[in-house]
Amino acid sequence: MKKLVIIPAYNESENILSTVNDIRDNAPGFDYIVINDCSTDNTLQICREHGIHCIKLPYNLGIGGAVQTGYLYGVRHGYETAVQFDGDGQHPAAYLNKMFEVLQEQQADMVIGSRFITREGFQSSKMRRIGILFFTKLIRMMTGKTITDPTSGMRLVNRSVMEMFAADYPKDYPEPESLVRILSAEKKVVEMPVVMRERSGGVSSISPVRSIYYMIKVTLAVLLARFSKYREGDIQ
């Protein structure tokens, strides 16, 4: 089975080489593709110098557009499963084969690597944990499903979800909204515990001010995603 790691990268010059080397060393059987989202630092130069497989976007599309590009690449090149993997060094590649095993054993459509099952390793900031808990409760209210780590960017999916995401993927802070979409489509989502690392370099795109925007925007997007599902059901 062809397996792909999708690595969206914007100004990850401090982390991208170690992230790719982690996959090369600890995730045998997985191919990878870096989606360089028009970085303004030397992320692209590092990829070229070290023979890293990379797609260079002509414009900055944001995290959603970069990830969707990866799914499009995976679908068009015949991959049967794909995993989203942050380029900042927080996700350990040693978990990828286990995530694939869980996907097959539980016949799931998505497997999420969750920080909050065993609560080991880096747990994010207090403010972000409050936001994560809020989205956990919101998603449970909307879908009846409890997801302990709805903002996790470490998510492995099967071919059917790859095709959904290649066709349409939320553009800004997409994880909670895309979860509601596939849960509303009656896809099976499971979680497994992972131990994540703290960002080793660079700066997160979510500042305290943007966190407020994030909360409001994603809440509205989640509600709209669920409402759209009801409308589709009514039409059918």
Protein backbone atom coordinates (compact mmCIF):
# COMPACT_ATOMS: atom_id res chain seq x y z
CA MET A 1 0.00 0.00 0.00
CA LYS A 2 1.38 3.39 -1.01
CA LYS A 3 1.60 5.70 2.02
CA LEU A 4 2.32 9.41 1.89
CA VAL A 5 3.38 11.95 4.52
CA ILE A 6 2.13 15.47 3.71
CA ILE A 7 4.30 18.19 5.32
CA PRO A 8 2.94 21.74 4.97
CA ALA A 9 5.79 24.18 5.55
CA TYR A 10 5.84 27.93 5.90
CA ASN A 11 9.14 29.43 7.14
CA GLU A 12 10.32 26.16 8.70
CA SER A 13 14.02 26.50 7.83
CA GLU A 14 15.01 25.64 11.40
CA ASN A 15 12.98 22.43 11.47
CA ILE A 16 12.35 21.04 8.01
CA LEU A 17 15.55 19.00 7.60
CA SER A 18 15.22 17.30 11.00
CA THR A 19 11.52 16.65 10.34
CA VAL A 20 12.24 14.93 7.02
CA ASN A 21 15.20 12.99 8.46
CA ASP A 22 12.92 11.75 11.26
CA ILE A 23 10.53 10.34 8.64
CA ARG A 24 13.36 8.84 6.60
CA ASP A 25 14.83 7.14 9.67
CA ASN A 26 11.73 6.11 11.62
CA ALA A 27 8.86 5.61 9.17
CA PRO A 28 9.96 2.98 6.66
CA GLY A 29 7.40 2.43 3.94
CA PHE A 30 6.20 6.04 3.91
CA ASP A 31 6.96 8.46 1.11
CA TYR A 32 6.79 12.17 1.88
CA ILE A 33 6.17 15.48 0.15
CA VAL A 34 6.92 18.95 1.56
CA ILE A 35 4.47 21.63 0.47
CA ASN A 36 6.44 24.87 0.62
CA ASP A 37 3.76 27.52 1.12
CA CYS A 38 5.70 30.41 -0.45
CA SER A 39 8.09 30.67 2.51
CA THR A 40 10.00 33.91 2.87
CA ASP A 41 12.98 32.27 4.58
CA ASN A 42 15.30 29.63 3.06
CA THR A 43 13.01 26.61 3.58
CA LEU A 44 12.93 25.96 -0.18
CA GLN A 45 16.71 26.30 -0.50
CA ILE A 46 17.25 23.75 2.27
CA CYS A 47 14.88 21.33 0.56
CA ARG A 48 16.75 21.67 -2.72
CA GLU A 49 20.19 21.38 -1.14
CA HIS A 50 19.28 18.17 0.69
CA GLY A 51 17.28 16.46 -2.03
CA ILE A 52 13.98 16.80 -0.16
CA HIS A 53 10.88 16.10 -2.24
CA CYS A 54 9.07 19.41 -2.39
CA ILE A 55 6.26 21.26 -4.15
CA LYS A 56 6.72 25.03 -4.37
CA LEU A 57 3.45 26.94 -4.26
CA PRO A 58 3.46 30.17 -6.32
CA TYR A 59 1.35 32.00 -3.72
CA ASN A 60 0.87 31.68 0.02
CA LEU A 61 -2.31 29.61 0.42
CA GLY A 62 -2.26 29.10 4.17
CA ILE A 63 -2.29 25.80 6.01
CA GLY A 64 -5.51 24.56 4.42
CA GLY A 65 -4.41 25.23 0.87
CA ALA A 66 -1.01 23.66 1.49
CA VAL A 67 -2.52 20.51 2.98
CA GLN A 68 -5.09 20.25 0.19
CA THR A 69 -2.24 20.45 -2.32
CA GLY A 70 -0.69 17.44 -0.58
CA TYR A 71 -3.94 15.48 -0.82
CA LEU A 72 -4.27 16.36 -4.49
CA TYR A 73 -0.72 15.12 -5.05
CA GLY A 74 -1.48 11.91 -3.17
CA VAL A 75 -4.69 11.18 -5.06
CA ARG A 76 -3.14 11.88 -8.45
CA HIS A 77 -0.11 9.68 -7.72
CA GLY A 78 -2.07 6.67 -6.55
CA TYR A 79 -1.48 6.79 -2.79
CA GLU A 80 -3.95 4.80 -0.73
CA THR A 81 -3.33 6.50 2.61
CA ALA A 82 -1.88 9.83 3.67
CA VAL A 83 -0.90 11.46 6.93
CA GLN A 84 -0.71 15.16 7.69
CA PHE A 85 2.51 15.93 9.56
CA ASP A 86 3.60 19.31 10.87
CA GLY A 87 6.90 20.71 9.64
CA ASP A 88 7.87 22.20 13.01
CA GLY A 89 9.36 19.06 14.58
CA GLN A 90 6.55 18.41 17.08
CA HIS A 91 5.30 15.15 15.56
CA PRO A 92 7.46 12.02 16.08
CA ALA A 93 7.59 9.88 12.94
CA ALA A 94 8.03 6.72 15.03
CA TYR A 95 4.23 6.68 15.52
CA LEU A 96 3.33 6.58 11.83
CA ASN A 97 3.47 2.82 11.33
CA LYS A 98 1.40 2.28 14.47
CA MET A 99 -1.18 4.78 13.20
CA PHE A 100 -1.37 2.82 9.94
CA GLU A 101 -1.87 -0.43 11.88
CA VAL A 102 -4.71 1.15 13.88
CA LEU A 103 -6.32 2.41 10.66
CA GLN A 104 -6.37 -1.13 9.26
CA GLU A 105 -7.22 -3.02 12.45
CA GLN A 106 -10.15 -0.77 13.35
CA GLN A 107 -11.23 -0.25 9.73
CA ALA A 108 -11.16 3.47 10.40
CA ASP A 109 -11.26 6.33 7.94
CA MET A 110 -9.08 8.62 10.07
CA VAL A 111 -6.64 8.06 12.93
CA ILE A 112 -5.69 11.09 15.03
CA GLY A 113 -2.55 11.23 17.13
CA SER A 114 -3.79 12.65 20.44
CA ARG A 115 -1.72 14.34 23.15
CA PHE A 116 -4.52 14.13 25.67
CA ILE A 117 -5.19 10.42 26.11
CA THR A 118 -2.17 9.63 28.29
CA ARG A 119 -1.23 13.33 28.78
CA GLU A 120 2.48 12.76 28.29
CA GLY A 121 4.96 15.02 26.54
CA PHE A 122 4.31 18.58 25.41
CA GLN A 123 0.70 19.57 26.18
CA SER A 124 0.60 23.03 24.54
CA SER A 125 0.01 26.29 26.38
CA LYS A 126 -2.77 26.77 28.94
CA MET A 127 -4.70 29.10 26.63
CA ARG A 128 -4.57 26.64 23.75
CA ARG A 129 -5.63 23.76 26.02
CA ILE A 130 -8.70 25.78 26.96
CA GLY A 131 -9.45 26.26 23.27
CA ILE A 132 -8.93 22.56 22.55
CA LEU A 133 -11.34 21.61 25.34
CA PHE A 134 -13.89 24.05 23.91
CA PHE A 135 -13.67 22.46 20.47
CA THR A 136 -13.89 18.97 21.97
CA LYS A 137 -17.20 19.94 23.59
CA LEU A 138 -18.45 21.75 20.48
CA ILE A 139 -17.70 18.77 18.22
CA ARG A 140 -19.38 16.40 20.70
CA MET A 141 -22.46 18.65 20.71
CA MET A 142 -22.53 18.79 16.91
CA THR A 143 -21.76 15.13 16.12
CA GLY A 144 -22.07 13.08 19.31
CA LYS A 145 -18.42 12.04 18.97
CA THR A 146 -15.75 12.86 21.57
CA ILE A 147 -12.40 13.84 20.04
CA THR A 148 -9.84 14.60 22.74
CA ASP A 149 -7.40 16.42 20.43
CA PRO A 150 -9.46 18.08 17.68
CA THR A 151 -6.69 20.51 16.69
CA SER A 152 -4.03 17.82 16.26
CA GLY A 153 -2.27 18.16 12.92
CA MET A 154 -1.12 14.52 13.07
CA ARG A 155 -3.90 12.73 11.19
CA LEU A 156 -3.75 9.66 8.97
CA VAL A 157 -6.60 8.98 6.53
CA ASN A 158 -7.63 6.37 4.00
CA ARG A 159 -8.21 6.83 0.27
CA SER A 160 -11.86 7.84 0.58
CA VAL A 161 -11.05 10.73 2.92
CA MET A 162 -8.05 11.69 0.77
CA GLU A 163 -10.43 12.14 -2.15
CA MET A 164 -12.83 14.22 -0.04
CA PHE A 165 -10.03 16.49 1.16
CA ALA A 166 -8.46 16.77 -2.29
CA ALA A 167 -11.80 18.04 -3.63
CA ASP A 168 -12.61 20.41 -0.75
CA TYR A 169 -10.66 21.31 2.37
CA PRO A 170 -11.09 24.18 4.86
CA LYS A 171 -8.60 26.94 4.14
CA ASP A 172 -7.88 28.47 7.56
CA TYR A 173 -7.24 26.48 10.79
CA PRO A 174 -8.87 23.45 9.16
CA GLU A 175 -8.63 20.61 11.69
CA PRO A 176 -11.86 21.02 13.73
CA GLU A 177 -13.96 21.97 10.71
CA SER A 178 -12.72 19.08 8.58
CA LEU A 179 -13.41 16.71 11.48
CA VAL A 180 -17.04 17.81 11.63
CA ARG A 181 -17.33 17.35 7.87
CA ILE A 182 -16.17 13.75 7.86
CA LEU A 183 -18.01 12.83 11.04
CA SER A 184 -21.16 14.27 9.47
CA ALA A 185 -20.43 12.05 6.45
CA GLU A 186 -20.48 9.08 8.88
CA LYS A 187 -16.79 8.35 8.52
CA LYS A 188 -15.10 6.46 11.36
CA VAL A 189 -12.58 8.53 13.33
CA VAL A 190 -10.44 7.01 16.08
CA GLU A 191 -7.65 8.39 18.25
CA MET A 192 -4.44 6.85 19.56
CA PRO A 193 -2.07 8.26 22.17
CA VAL A 194 1.11 9.99 21.02
CA VAL A 195 3.79 11.95 22.82
CA MET A 196 4.53 15.17 20.99
CA ARG A 197 7.53 17.46 21.28
CA GLU A 198 7.68 21.19 21.81
CA ARG A 199 8.48 23.23 18.71
CA SER A 200 12.27 23.19 18.37
CA GLY A 201 12.56 26.43 16.40
CA GLY A 202 10.68 29.06 14.45
CA VAL A 203 7.49 30.84 15.46
CA SER A 204 3.94 29.50 15.59
CA SER A 205 1.45 31.20 13.27
CA ILE A 206 -1.14 31.40 16.07
CA SER A 207 -0.38 34.42 18.27
CA PRO A 208 -2.49 35.33 21.34
CA VAL A 209 -4.42 37.86 19.27
CA ARG A 210 -4.98 35.40 16.43
CA SER A 211 -6.14 32.84 18.98
CA ILE A 212 -9.29 34.94 19.53
CA TYR A 213 -9.88 35.12 15.78
CA TYR A 214 -9.22 31.38 15.58
CA MET A 215 -11.86 30.60 18.22
CA ILE A 216 -14.55 32.73 16.59
CA LYS A 217 -13.86 31.72 13.00
CA VAL A 218 -13.56 27.99 13.63
CA THR A 219 -16.67 27.95 15.82
CA LEU A 220 -18.69 29.56 13.02
CA ALA A 221 -17.14 27.21 10.45
CA VAL A 222 -17.96 24.14 12.55
CA LEU A 223 -21.57 25.27 12.96
CA LEU A 224 -21.84 25.98 9.24
CA ALA A 225 -20.32 22.60 8.34
CA ARG A 226 -22.90 20.82 10.45
CA PHE A 227 -25.76 23.00 9.18
CA SER A 228 -24.68 22.28 5.60
CA LYS A 229 -24.92 18.56 6.33
CA TYR A 230 -28.51 18.98 7.53
CA ARG A 231 -29.37 21.00 4.41
CA GLU A 232 -27.89 18.29 2.17
CA GLY A 233 -29.93 15.68 4.01
CA ASP A 234 -33.10 17.76 3.64
CA ILE A 235 -32.53 18.15 -0.11
CA GLN A 236 -31.97 14.43 -0.56
